[in-house]
Amino acid sequence: LMPIDIGVNSTGFIRVNESEKFDAPLPTIGLRADFAITPKWFLRTSLELFYLEIDQFKGSIIESTVALEYLPWKHLGCGLAFDTFNLHIEADGEDYPGIDFQGELNFNITGLLLYVKMFF
């Protein structure tokens, strides 16, 4: 489940203070490929996708990761990754029961990850 909380505030000639909260169950289908460069260095990649269109609603998720990991010990390693997450929602739910949402939501995160990993 992905909790989504959307709000719009405006002051001036027209005052608007609206918000909407809902939980969106958005499972993804993924593809993963890991490559052993040497016995201690690994290149890890993943791609996860989701798309759904129902009545006046469309949504998609795309998440991708490319990581380089170093595993110097049997149960401990570290890595550096580049990750992107894109969420896109379009809705024209003005006449849909219980939902009054019209518009488009684009949420994008892109960044570097530095991490330590422990496994057994």
C-alpha atoms as a PDB file:
ATOM      1  CA  LEU A   1       0.000   0.000   0.000  1.00  0.00           C
ATOM      2  CA  MET A   2       1.195   3.455  -0.799  1.00  0.00           C
ATOM      3  CA  PRO A   3      -0.348   6.173   1.383  1.00  0.00           C
ATOM      4  CA  ILE A   4      -0.929   9.302  -0.680  1.00  0.00           C
ATOM      5  CA  ASP A   5      -1.802  12.660   0.878  1.00  0.00           C
ATOM      6  CA  ILE A   6      -2.391  15.523  -1.556  1.00  0.00           C
ATOM      7  CA  GLY A   7      -3.090  19.098  -0.533  1.00  0.00           C
ATOM      8  CA  VAL A   8      -3.570  22.454  -2.239  1.00  0.00           C
ATOM      9  CA  ASN A   9      -3.430  25.782  -0.423  1.00  0.00           C
ATOM     10  CA  SER A  10      -3.936  29.165  -2.048  1.00  0.00           C
ATOM     11  CA  THR A  11      -4.422  32.670  -0.655  1.00  0.00           C
ATOM     12  CA  GLY A  12      -5.175  35.878  -2.428  1.00  0.00           C
ATOM     13  CA  PHE A  13      -8.212  36.670  -4.535  1.00  0.00           C
ATOM     14  CA  ILE A  14      -9.479  33.095  -4.232  1.00  0.00           C
ATOM     15  CA  ARG A  15      -8.809  31.091  -1.058  1.00  0.00           C
ATOM     16  CA  VAL A  16      -8.415  27.349  -1.456  1.00  0.00           C
ATOM     17  CA  ASN A  17      -7.526  24.811   1.217  1.00  0.00           C
ATOM     18  CA  GLU A  18      -8.215  21.290   0.003  1.00  0.00           C
ATOM     19  CA  SER A  19      -6.654  17.953   0.848  1.00  0.00           C
ATOM     20  CA  GLU A  20      -7.259  14.345  -0.049  1.00  0.00           C
ATOM     21  CA  LYS A  21      -5.898  11.166   1.586  1.00  0.00           C
ATOM     22  CA  PHE A  22      -6.081   7.629   0.266  1.00  0.00           C
ATOM     23  CA  ASP A  23      -4.155   4.342   0.237  1.00  0.00           C
ATOM     24  CA  ALA A  24      -3.232   2.978  -3.151  1.00  0.00           C
ATOM     25  CA  PRO A  25      -2.376  -0.728  -3.441  1.00  0.00           C
ATOM     26  CA  LEU A  26       0.289  -0.685  -6.130  1.00  0.00           C
ATOM     27  CA  PRO A  27       2.152  -4.003  -6.554  1.00  0.00           C
ATOM     28  CA  THR A  28       5.018  -4.022  -9.029  1.00  0.00           C
ATOM     29  CA  ILE A  29       6.446  -6.630 -11.375  1.00  0.00           C
ATOM     30  CA  GLY A  30      10.218  -6.657 -11.440  1.00  0.00           C
ATOM     31  CA  LEU A  31      13.241  -7.852 -13.317  1.00  0.00           C
ATOM     32  CA  ARG A  32      16.569  -8.272 -11.584  1.00  0.00           C
ATOM     33  CA  ALA A  33      20.074  -9.089 -12.825  1.00  0.00           C
ATOM     34  CA  ASP A  34      23.185  -9.489 -10.666  1.00  0.00           C
ATOM     35  CA  PHE A  35      26.677  -9.915 -12.104  1.00  0.00           C
ATOM     36  CA  ALA A  36      29.766 -11.113 -10.224  1.00  0.00           C
ATOM     37  CA  ILE A  37      32.636  -8.981 -11.521  1.00  0.00           C
ATOM     38  CA  THR A  38      35.076 -10.727  -9.149  1.00  0.00           C
ATOM     39  CA  PRO A  39      34.364 -12.949  -6.130  1.00  0.00           C
ATOM     40  CA  LYS A  40      34.011  -9.796  -3.957  1.00  0.00           C
ATOM     41  CA  TRP A  41      32.638  -7.178  -6.393  1.00  0.00           C
ATOM     42  CA  PHE A  42      29.072  -7.306  -7.752  1.00  0.00           C
ATOM     43  CA  LEU A  43      27.006  -5.239 -10.159  1.00  0.00           C
ATOM     44  CA  ARG A  44      23.328  -5.378  -9.201  1.00  0.00           C
ATOM     45  CA  THR A  45      20.480  -4.037 -11.343  1.00  0.00           C
ATOM     46  CA  SER A  46      16.723  -4.026 -10.945  1.00  0.00           C
ATOM     47  CA  LEU A  47      13.695  -2.637 -12.737  1.00  0.00           C
ATOM     48  CA  GLU A  48      10.168  -2.662 -11.301  1.00  0.00           C
ATOM     49  CA  LEU A  49       7.069  -1.641 -13.251  1.00  0.00           C
ATOM     50  CA  PHE A  50       3.381  -1.134 -12.591  1.00  0.00           C
ATOM     51  CA  TYR A  51       0.585   0.250 -14.773  1.00  0.00           C
ATOM     52  CA  LEU A  52      -3.147   0.300 -14.157  1.00  0.00           C
ATOM     53  CA  GLU A  53      -6.038   1.987 -15.926  1.00  0.00           C
ATOM     54  CA  ILE A  54      -9.560   1.786 -14.471  1.00  0.00           C
ATOM     55  CA  ASP A  55     -12.428   4.025 -15.586  1.00  0.00           C
ATOM     56  CA  GLN A  56     -11.203   7.620 -15.222  1.00  0.00           C
ATOM     57  CA  PHE A  57      -7.998   6.676 -13.379  1.00  0.00           C
ATOM     58  CA  LYS A  58      -4.518   5.837 -14.704  1.00  0.00           C
ATOM     59  CA  GLY A  59      -1.403   5.164 -12.695  1.00  0.00           C
ATOM     60  CA  SER A  60       2.129   3.936 -13.186  1.00  0.00           C
ATOM     61  CA  ILE A  61       5.246   3.254 -11.143  1.00  0.00           C
ATOM     62  CA  ILE A  62       8.739   2.810 -12.538  1.00  0.00           C
ATOM     63  CA  GLU A  63      11.630   2.109 -10.186  1.00  0.00           C
ATOM     64  CA  SER A  64      15.160   1.288 -11.292  1.00  0.00           C
ATOM     65  CA  THR A  65      18.425   0.688  -9.461  1.00  0.00           C
ATOM     66  CA  VAL A  66      22.025   0.132 -10.514  1.00  0.00           C
ATOM     67  CA  ALA A  67      24.425  -0.731  -7.681  1.00  0.00           C
ATOM     68  CA  LEU A  68      28.060  -1.640  -7.230  1.00  0.00           C
ATOM     69  CA  GLU A  69      28.677  -3.774  -4.130  1.00  0.00           C
ATOM     70  CA  TYR A  70      31.858  -4.807  -2.380  1.00  0.00           C
ATOM     71  CA  LEU A  71      31.638  -7.836  -0.067  1.00  0.00           C
ATOM     72  CA  PRO A  72      35.000  -8.132   1.727  1.00  0.00           C
ATOM     73  CA  TRP A  73      33.674 -10.476   4.439  1.00  0.00           C
ATOM     74  CA  LYS A  74      31.262 -13.387   4.478  1.00  0.00           C
ATOM     75  CA  HIS A  75      28.425 -11.521   6.256  1.00  0.00           C
ATOM     76  CA  LEU A  76      29.202  -7.828   5.690  1.00  0.00           C
ATOM     77  CA  GLY A  77      29.499  -5.606   2.644  1.00  0.00           C
ATOM     78  CA  CYS A  78      28.898  -2.094   1.345  1.00  0.00           C
ATOM     79  CA  GLY A  79      27.574  -0.552  -1.820  1.00  0.00           C
ATOM     80  CA  LEU A  80      26.945   2.527  -3.894  1.00  0.00           C
ATOM     81  CA  ALA A  81      23.750   2.698  -5.947  1.00  0.00           C
ATOM     82  CA  PHE A  82      21.879   5.023  -8.273  1.00  0.00           C
ATOM     83  CA  ASP A  83      18.115   4.777  -7.776  1.00  0.00           C
ATOM     84  CA  THR A  84      15.112   6.337  -9.519  1.00  0.00           C
ATOM     85  CA  PHE A  85      11.452   6.199  -8.511  1.00  0.00           C
ATOM     86  CA  ASN A  86       8.679   7.661 -10.689  1.00  0.00           C
ATOM     87  CA  LEU A  87       4.992   7.717  -9.746  1.00  0.00           C
ATOM     88  CA  HIS A  88       2.413   9.075 -12.188  1.00  0.00           C
ATOM     89  CA  ILE A  89      -1.330   9.319 -11.491  1.00  0.00           C
ATOM     90  CA  GLU A  90      -4.009  10.844 -13.719  1.00  0.00           C
ATOM     91  CA  ALA A  91      -7.608  11.140 -12.590  1.00  0.00           C
ATOM     92  CA  ASP A  92     -10.903  12.592 -13.670  1.00  0.00           C
ATOM     93  CA  GLY A  93     -12.905  11.258 -10.723  1.00  0.00           C
ATOM     94  CA  GLU A  94     -15.360  14.093 -10.343  1.00  0.00           C
ATOM     95  CA  ASP A  95     -18.364  11.785 -10.676  1.00  0.00           C
ATOM     96  CA  TYR A  96     -16.771   8.651  -9.162  1.00  0.00           C
ATOM     97  CA  PRO A  97     -18.384   7.698  -5.795  1.00  0.00           C
ATOM     98  CA  GLY A  98     -16.260   8.729  -2.812  1.00  0.00           C
ATOM     99  CA  ILE A  99     -13.470  10.326  -4.877  1.00  0.00           C
ATOM    100  CA  ASP A 100     -13.399  13.916  -6.044  1.00  0.00           C
ATOM    101  CA  PHE A 101      -9.962  14.156  -7.631  1.00  0.00           C
ATOM    102  CA  GLN A 102      -9.237  15.689 -11.003  1.00  0.00           C
ATOM    103  CA  GLY A 103      -5.757  16.242 -12.273  1.00  0.00           C
ATOM    104  CA  GLU A 104      -2.352  14.742 -12.520  1.00  0.00           C
ATOM    105  CA  LEU A 105       0.275  13.831  -9.937  1.00  0.00           C
ATOM    106  CA  ASN A 106       3.927  13.294 -10.846  1.00  0.00           C
ATOM    107  CA  PHE A 107       6.314  12.277  -8.070  1.00  0.00           C
ATOM    108  CA  ASN A 108       9.966  11.610  -8.939  1.00  0.00           C
ATOM    109  CA  ILE A 109      12.939  10.786  -6.738  1.00  0.00           C
ATOM    110  CA  THR A 110      16.434  10.253  -8.111  1.00  0.00           C
ATOM    111  CA  GLY A 111      19.540   9.864  -6.015  1.00  0.00           C
ATOM    112  CA  LEU A 112      22.638   8.086  -4.856  1.00  0.00           C
ATOM    113  CA  LEU A 113      22.565   5.512  -2.071  1.00  0.00           C
ATOM    114  CA  LEU A 114      25.548   4.610   0.071  1.00  0.00           C
ATOM    115  CA  TYR A 115      24.819   1.587   2.231  1.00  0.00           C
ATOM    116  CA  VAL A 116      26.188  -1.149   4.448  1.00  0.00           C
ATOM    117  CA  LYS A 117      24.693  -4.598   4.162  1.00  0.00           C
ATOM    118  CA  MET A 118      24.702  -7.441   6.650  1.00  0.00           C
ATOM    119  CA  PHE A 119      23.415 -10.894   5.799  1.00  0.00           C
ATOM    120  CA  PHE A 120      23.433 -14.425   7.210  1.00  0.00           C
END
